[in-house]
């Protein structure tokens, strides 16, 4: 679980994880200079949504509000709290990520805004490929970094890790890995 992972880094029980660096997290962890993964938050909707044409062109949170759409998200979604809640958009909060796409497929909300790779995994896992549309509308990019506990005995390896990440970006390895996991098929 995500909270346990962060707690383990903070207390030195784990050496590193991959997450979005925030001011709070940088108090107890150092980040790699090079992102491990950069992603967008894609907008998902259900097939044949009556406003599908408009949803495909969403370019901002205010655009979502103007369309009067409801978003489903998980309770711990910090990006949603920071970027959507202040706009007063109707939101249905669910306990877990796995439920989001079942909820969307049942047409109980109009949109899910989430990370592509884990979302595609959940869509496949639930057999919802024919019921959910991944639109080209998205927000980001957001960078995830290797975050090493300040209590880790491996902290001195961060420059070497950055070097390895840089080589993987330059030789195309990172792109190949990303492409493999960003497909719905």
C-alpha atoms as a PDB file:
ATOM      1  CA  UNK A   1       0.000   0.000   0.000  1.00  0.00           C
ATOM      2  CA  UNK A   2       1.097   3.517  -0.896  1.00  0.00           C
ATOM      3  CA  UNK A   3       0.966   4.974   2.625  1.00  0.00           C
ATOM      4  CA  UNK A   4       3.025   2.086   3.992  1.00  0.00           C
ATOM      5  CA  UNK A   5       5.603   2.540   1.237  1.00  0.00           C
ATOM      6  CA  UNK A   6       6.046   6.224   2.073  1.00  0.00           C
ATOM      7  CA  UNK A   7       6.214   5.458   5.794  1.00  0.00           C
ATOM      8  CA  UNK A   8       8.963   2.872   5.168  1.00  0.00           C
ATOM      9  CA  UNK A   9      11.050   5.412   3.212  1.00  0.00           C
ATOM     10  CA  UNK A  10      10.529   8.096   5.843  1.00  0.00           C
ATOM     11  CA  UNK A  11      11.642   5.786   8.663  1.00  0.00           C
ATOM     12  CA  UNK A  12      14.515   4.168   6.773  1.00  0.00           C
ATOM     13  CA  UNK A  13      12.899   0.712   6.678  1.00  0.00           C
ATOM     14  CA  UNK A  14      13.120   0.797   2.866  1.00  0.00           C
ATOM     15  CA  UNK A  15      15.853   2.374   0.796  1.00  0.00           C
ATOM     16  CA  UNK A  16      13.883   3.764  -2.123  1.00  0.00           C
ATOM     17  CA  UNK A  17      10.653   3.935  -4.012  1.00  0.00           C
ATOM     18  CA  UNK A  18       9.477   5.712  -7.139  1.00  0.00           C
ATOM     19  CA  UNK A  19       7.069   8.598  -6.553  1.00  0.00           C
ATOM     20  CA  UNK A  20       6.312  12.211  -7.292  1.00  0.00           C
ATOM     21  CA  UNK A  21       8.623  14.485  -5.288  1.00  0.00           C
ATOM     22  CA  UNK A  22       6.690  16.873  -3.077  1.00  0.00           C
ATOM     23  CA  UNK A  23       7.983  19.337  -0.509  1.00  0.00           C
ATOM     24  CA  UNK A  24       6.847  17.005   2.267  1.00  0.00           C
ATOM     25  CA  UNK A  25       8.541  13.941   0.738  1.00  0.00           C
ATOM     26  CA  UNK A  26      11.785  15.865   0.152  1.00  0.00           C
ATOM     27  CA  UNK A  27      12.051  16.307   3.925  1.00  0.00           C
ATOM     28  CA  UNK A  28      12.811  12.604   4.335  1.00  0.00           C
ATOM     29  CA  UNK A  29      14.025  11.496   0.893  1.00  0.00           C
ATOM     30  CA  UNK A  30      16.354  12.682  -1.872  1.00  0.00           C
ATOM     31  CA  UNK A  31      15.192  12.459  -5.450  1.00  0.00           C
ATOM     32  CA  UNK A  32      17.045  11.374  -8.534  1.00  0.00           C
ATOM     33  CA  UNK A  33      17.834  14.293 -10.842  1.00  0.00           C
ATOM     34  CA  UNK A  34      16.469  12.359 -13.794  1.00  0.00           C
ATOM     35  CA  UNK A  35      12.848  11.227 -13.771  1.00  0.00           C
ATOM     36  CA  UNK A  36      12.304   7.486 -13.876  1.00  0.00           C
ATOM     37  CA  UNK A  37       9.002   8.017 -15.635  1.00  0.00           C
ATOM     38  CA  UNK A  38       7.101  10.975 -16.998  1.00  0.00           C
ATOM     39  CA  UNK A  39       3.421  10.539 -17.541  1.00  0.00           C
ATOM     40  CA  UNK A  40       0.220  12.314 -18.229  1.00  0.00           C
ATOM     41  CA  UNK A  41      -3.094  11.927 -16.497  1.00  0.00           C
ATOM     42  CA  UNK A  42      -5.426  10.688 -19.198  1.00  0.00           C
ATOM     43  CA  UNK A  43      -9.137  11.275 -19.341  1.00  0.00           C
ATOM     44  CA  UNK A  44     -11.187   8.092 -19.536  1.00  0.00           C
ATOM     45  CA  UNK A  45     -14.902   7.888 -20.234  1.00  0.00           C
ATOM     46  CA  UNK A  46     -17.379   5.188 -21.109  1.00  0.00           C
ATOM     47  CA  UNK A  47     -18.039   4.160 -24.708  1.00  0.00           C
ATOM     48  CA  UNK A  48     -20.836   6.067 -26.454  1.00  0.00           C
ATOM     49  CA  UNK A  49     -21.010   8.811 -23.819  1.00  0.00           C
ATOM     50  CA  UNK A  50     -23.545  11.412 -25.030  1.00  0.00           C
ATOM     51  CA  UNK A  51     -20.865  14.145 -24.777  1.00  0.00           C
ATOM     52  CA  UNK A  52     -18.040  12.025 -26.198  1.00  0.00           C
ATOM     53  CA  UNK A  53     -17.126  14.547 -28.898  1.00  0.00           C
ATOM     54  CA  UNK A  54     -16.720  17.320 -26.299  1.00  0.00           C
ATOM     55  CA  UNK A  55     -14.899  15.043 -23.831  1.00  0.00           C
ATOM     56  CA  UNK A  56     -12.298  14.201 -26.476  1.00  0.00           C
ATOM     57  CA  UNK A  57     -11.417  17.918 -26.715  1.00  0.00           C
ATOM     58  CA  UNK A  58     -11.117  18.705 -22.988  1.00  0.00           C
ATOM     59  CA  UNK A  59      -8.144  20.977 -22.420  1.00  0.00           C
ATOM     60  CA  UNK A  60      -8.610  22.225 -18.857  1.00  0.00           C
ATOM     61  CA  UNK A  61     -10.357  21.609 -15.574  1.00  0.00           C
ATOM     62  CA  UNK A  62     -12.617  24.603 -16.231  1.00  0.00           C
ATOM     63  CA  UNK A  63     -13.627  22.949 -19.508  1.00  0.00           C
ATOM     64  CA  UNK A  64     -14.800  19.906 -17.493  1.00  0.00           C
ATOM     65  CA  UNK A  65     -16.778  22.166 -15.175  1.00  0.00           C
ATOM     66  CA  UNK A  66     -18.368  23.931 -18.144  1.00  0.00           C
ATOM     67  CA  UNK A  67     -19.531  20.595 -19.536  1.00  0.00           C
ATOM     68  CA  UNK A  68     -21.140  19.724 -16.199  1.00  0.00           C
ATOM     69  CA  UNK A  69     -19.376  16.365 -15.957  1.00  0.00           C
ATOM     70  CA  UNK A  70     -18.941  14.170 -12.887  1.00  0.00           C
ATOM     71  CA  UNK A  71     -15.528  12.691 -12.092  1.00  0.00           C
ATOM     72  CA  UNK A  72     -14.875   9.448 -10.215  1.00  0.00           C
ATOM     73  CA  UNK A  73     -11.611   9.230  -8.291  1.00  0.00           C
ATOM     74  CA  UNK A  74     -10.051   7.414  -5.359  1.00  0.00           C
ATOM     75  CA  UNK A  75     -10.042   8.879  -1.869  1.00  0.00           C
ATOM     76  CA  UNK A  76      -6.282   9.448  -1.776  1.00  0.00           C
ATOM     77  CA  UNK A  77      -5.874  11.236  -5.104  1.00  0.00           C
ATOM     78  CA  UNK A  78      -3.740  14.254  -4.168  1.00  0.00           C
ATOM     79  CA  UNK A  79      -3.655  15.625  -7.736  1.00  0.00           C
ATOM     80  CA  UNK A  80      -7.458  15.679  -7.774  1.00  0.00           C
ATOM     81  CA  UNK A  81      -7.619  17.435  -4.402  1.00  0.00           C
ATOM     82  CA  UNK A  82      -5.169  20.086  -5.571  1.00  0.00           C
ATOM     83  CA  UNK A  83      -6.414  20.629  -9.139  1.00  0.00           C
ATOM     84  CA  UNK A  84     -10.097  19.671  -9.313  1.00  0.00           C
ATOM     85  CA  UNK A  85     -11.666  20.215  -5.881  1.00  0.00           C
ATOM     86  CA  UNK A  86     -11.066  24.010  -5.903  1.00  0.00           C
ATOM     87  CA  UNK A  87     -13.260  24.235  -9.027  1.00  0.00           C
ATOM     88  CA  UNK A  88     -16.250  22.617  -7.309  1.00  0.00           C
ATOM     89  CA  UNK A  89     -16.670  19.846  -9.869  1.00  0.00           C
ATOM     90  CA  UNK A  90     -19.003  17.024  -8.830  1.00  0.00           C
ATOM     91  CA  UNK A  91     -16.804  14.141  -7.680  1.00  0.00           C
ATOM     92  CA  UNK A  92     -17.655  10.620  -6.603  1.00  0.00           C
ATOM     93  CA  UNK A  93     -14.975   9.225  -4.290  1.00  0.00           C
ATOM     94  CA  UNK A  94     -14.276   5.489  -4.282  1.00  0.00           C
ATOM     95  CA  UNK A  95     -12.189   3.461  -1.846  1.00  0.00           C
ATOM     96  CA  UNK A  96      -9.870   1.833  -4.370  1.00  0.00           C
ATOM     97  CA  UNK A  97      -8.428   2.328  -7.840  1.00  0.00           C
ATOM     98  CA  UNK A  98      -9.698  -1.046  -9.037  1.00  0.00           C
ATOM     99  CA  UNK A  99     -13.298   0.096  -8.647  1.00  0.00           C
ATOM    100  CA  UNK A 100     -12.987   3.263 -10.720  1.00  0.00           C
ATOM    101  CA  UNK A 101     -13.411   1.682 -14.130  1.00  0.00           C
ATOM    102  CA  UNK A 102     -16.245  -0.640 -13.107  1.00  0.00           C
ATOM    103  CA  UNK A 103     -17.999   2.463 -11.789  1.00  0.00           C
ATOM    104  CA  UNK A 104     -17.312   4.313 -15.040  1.00  0.00           C
ATOM    105  CA  UNK A 105     -18.395   1.361 -17.221  1.00  0.00           C
ATOM    106  CA  UNK A 106     -21.704   1.309 -15.323  1.00  0.00           C
ATOM    107  CA  UNK A 107     -22.139   4.982 -16.325  1.00  0.00           C
ATOM    108  CA  UNK A 108     -22.240   6.194 -12.729  1.00  0.00           C
ATOM    109  CA  UNK A 109     -19.726   8.977 -13.531  1.00  0.00           C
ATOM    110  CA  UNK A 110     -18.664  10.687 -16.741  1.00  0.00           C
ATOM    111  CA  UNK A 111     -14.888  10.697 -16.349  1.00  0.00           C
ATOM    112  CA  UNK A 112     -11.908   9.228 -14.602  1.00  0.00           C
ATOM    113  CA  UNK A 113      -8.654  11.204 -14.752  1.00  0.00           C
ATOM    114  CA  UNK A 114      -5.782   8.909 -13.937  1.00  0.00           C
ATOM    115  CA  UNK A 115      -2.369   7.481 -14.814  1.00  0.00           C
ATOM    116  CA  UNK A 116      -2.389   5.554 -18.069  1.00  0.00           C
ATOM    117  CA  UNK A 117      -0.376   2.444 -17.152  1.00  0.00           C
ATOM    118  CA  UNK A 118      -2.135   1.371 -13.921  1.00  0.00           C
ATOM    119  CA  UNK A 119      -5.481   2.369 -15.432  1.00  0.00           C
ATOM    120  CA  UNK A 120      -4.920   0.159 -18.472  1.00  0.00           C
ATOM    121  CA  UNK A 121      -3.960  -2.671 -16.138  1.00  0.00           C
ATOM    122  CA  UNK A 122      -7.205  -2.261 -14.170  1.00  0.00           C
ATOM    123  CA  UNK A 123      -9.300  -1.977 -17.343  1.00  0.00           C
ATOM    124  CA  UNK A 124      -7.776  -5.221 -18.675  1.00  0.00           C
ATOM    125  CA  UNK A 125      -8.068  -6.966 -15.326  1.00  0.00           C
ATOM    126  CA  UNK A 126     -11.799  -6.240 -15.201  1.00  0.00           C
ATOM    127  CA  UNK A 127     -12.330  -7.072 -18.898  1.00  0.00           C
ATOM    128  CA  UNK A 128     -13.621  -3.569 -19.662  1.00  0.00           C
ATOM    129  CA  UNK A 129     -11.639  -2.825 -22.843  1.00  0.00           C
ATOM    130  CA  UNK A 130     -14.817  -2.605 -24.962  1.00  0.00           C
ATOM    131  CA  UNK A 131     -16.635  -0.392 -22.426  1.00  0.00           C
ATOM    132  CA  UNK A 132     -14.019   2.269 -21.631  1.00  0.00           C
ATOM    133  CA  UNK A 133     -12.480   4.831 -23.972  1.00  0.00           C
ATOM    134  CA  UNK A 134      -9.053   6.307 -23.336  1.00  0.00           C
ATOM    135  CA  UNK A 135      -9.261   9.776 -24.842  1.00  0.00           C
ATOM    136  CA  UNK A 136      -6.344  11.828 -26.109  1.00  0.00           C
ATOM    137  CA  UNK A 137      -7.315  14.545 -23.620  1.00  0.00           C
ATOM    138  CA  UNK A 138      -4.820  14.643 -20.783  1.00  0.00           C
ATOM    139  CA  UNK A 139      -3.018  16.716 -18.151  1.00  0.00           C
ATOM    140  CA  UNK A 140       0.699  16.833 -17.389  1.00  0.00           C
ATOM    141  CA  UNK A 141       3.433  15.832 -17.764  1.00  0.00           C
ATOM    142  CA  UNK A 142       4.114  14.725 -14.227  1.00  0.00           C
ATOM    143  CA  UNK A 143       7.523  13.348 -13.319  1.00  0.00           C
ATOM    144  CA  UNK A 144       8.128  10.411 -11.023  1.00  0.00           C
ATOM    145  CA  UNK A 145      11.600  10.120  -9.540  1.00  0.00           C
ATOM    146  CA  UNK A 146      13.500   7.526  -7.641  1.00  0.00           C
ATOM    147  CA  UNK A 147      13.181   8.755  -4.065  1.00  0.00           C
ATOM    148  CA  UNK A 148      15.854   7.455  -1.706  1.00  0.00           C
ATOM    149  CA  UNK A 149      15.444   7.576   2.050  1.00  0.00           C
ATOM    150  CA  UNK A 150      17.827  10.052   3.659  1.00  0.00           C
ATOM    151  CA  UNK A 151      18.503   7.215   6.130  1.00  0.00           C
ATOM    152  CA  UNK A 152      19.600   4.767   3.407  1.00  0.00           C
ATOM    153  CA  UNK A 153      23.159   3.509   3.390  1.00  0.00           C
ATOM    154  CA  UNK A 154      22.933   3.661  -0.433  1.00  0.00           C
ATOM    155  CA  UNK A 155      22.298   7.407  -0.630  1.00  0.00           C
ATOM    156  CA  UNK A 156      25.749   7.950  -2.144  1.00  0.00           C
ATOM    157  CA  UNK A 157      24.728   5.879  -5.177  1.00  0.00           C
ATOM    158  CA  UNK A 158      22.235   8.482  -6.451  1.00  0.00           C
ATOM    159  CA  UNK A 159      24.736  10.026  -8.927  1.00  0.00           C
ATOM    160  CA  UNK A 160      25.402   6.578 -10.427  1.00  0.00           C
ATOM    161  CA  UNK A 161      21.660   5.885 -10.596  1.00  0.00           C
ATOM    162  CA  UNK A 162      21.164   9.192 -12.429  1.00  0.00           C
ATOM    163  CA  UNK A 163      23.909   8.162 -14.855  1.00  0.00           C
ATOM    164  CA  UNK A 164      22.181   4.835 -15.541  1.00  0.00           C
ATOM    165  CA  UNK A 165      18.811   6.558 -16.044  1.00  0.00           C
ATOM    166  CA  UNK A 166      20.414   9.046 -18.434  1.00  0.00           C
ATOM    167  CA  UNK A 167      21.931   6.215 -20.494  1.00  0.00           C
ATOM    168  CA  UNK A 168      18.569   4.404 -20.599  1.00  0.00           C
ATOM    169  CA  UNK A 169      16.883   7.558 -21.896  1.00  0.00           C
ATOM    170  CA  UNK A 170      19.582   8.204 -24.514  1.00  0.00           C
ATOM    171  CA  UNK A 171      19.631   4.636 -25.830  1.00  0.00           C
ATOM    172  CA  UNK A 172      15.825   4.404 -26.033  1.00  0.00           C
ATOM    173  CA  UNK A 173      15.379   1.777 -23.318  1.00  0.00           C
ATOM    174  CA  UNK A 174      13.081   3.958 -21.211  1.00  0.00           C
ATOM    175  CA  UNK A 175      10.874   4.714 -24.217  1.00  0.00           C
ATOM    176  CA  UNK A 176      10.601   1.004 -25.094  1.00  0.00           C
ATOM    177  CA  UNK A 177       9.607   0.128 -21.538  1.00  0.00           C
ATOM    178  CA  UNK A 178       6.997   2.911 -21.479  1.00  0.00           C
ATOM    179  CA  UNK A 179       5.505   1.913 -24.812  1.00  0.00           C
ATOM    180  CA  UNK A 180       5.162  -1.698 -23.703  1.00  0.00           C
ATOM    181  CA  UNK A 181       2.994  -0.738 -20.737  1.00  0.00           C
ATOM    182  CA  UNK A 182       1.018   2.098 -22.348  1.00  0.00           C
ATOM    183  CA  UNK A 183      -0.960  -0.110 -24.734  1.00  0.00           C
ATOM    184  CA  UNK A 184      -4.532  -1.262 -24.151  1.00  0.00           C
ATOM    185  CA  UNK A 185      -4.171  -4.459 -26.201  1.00  0.00           C
END
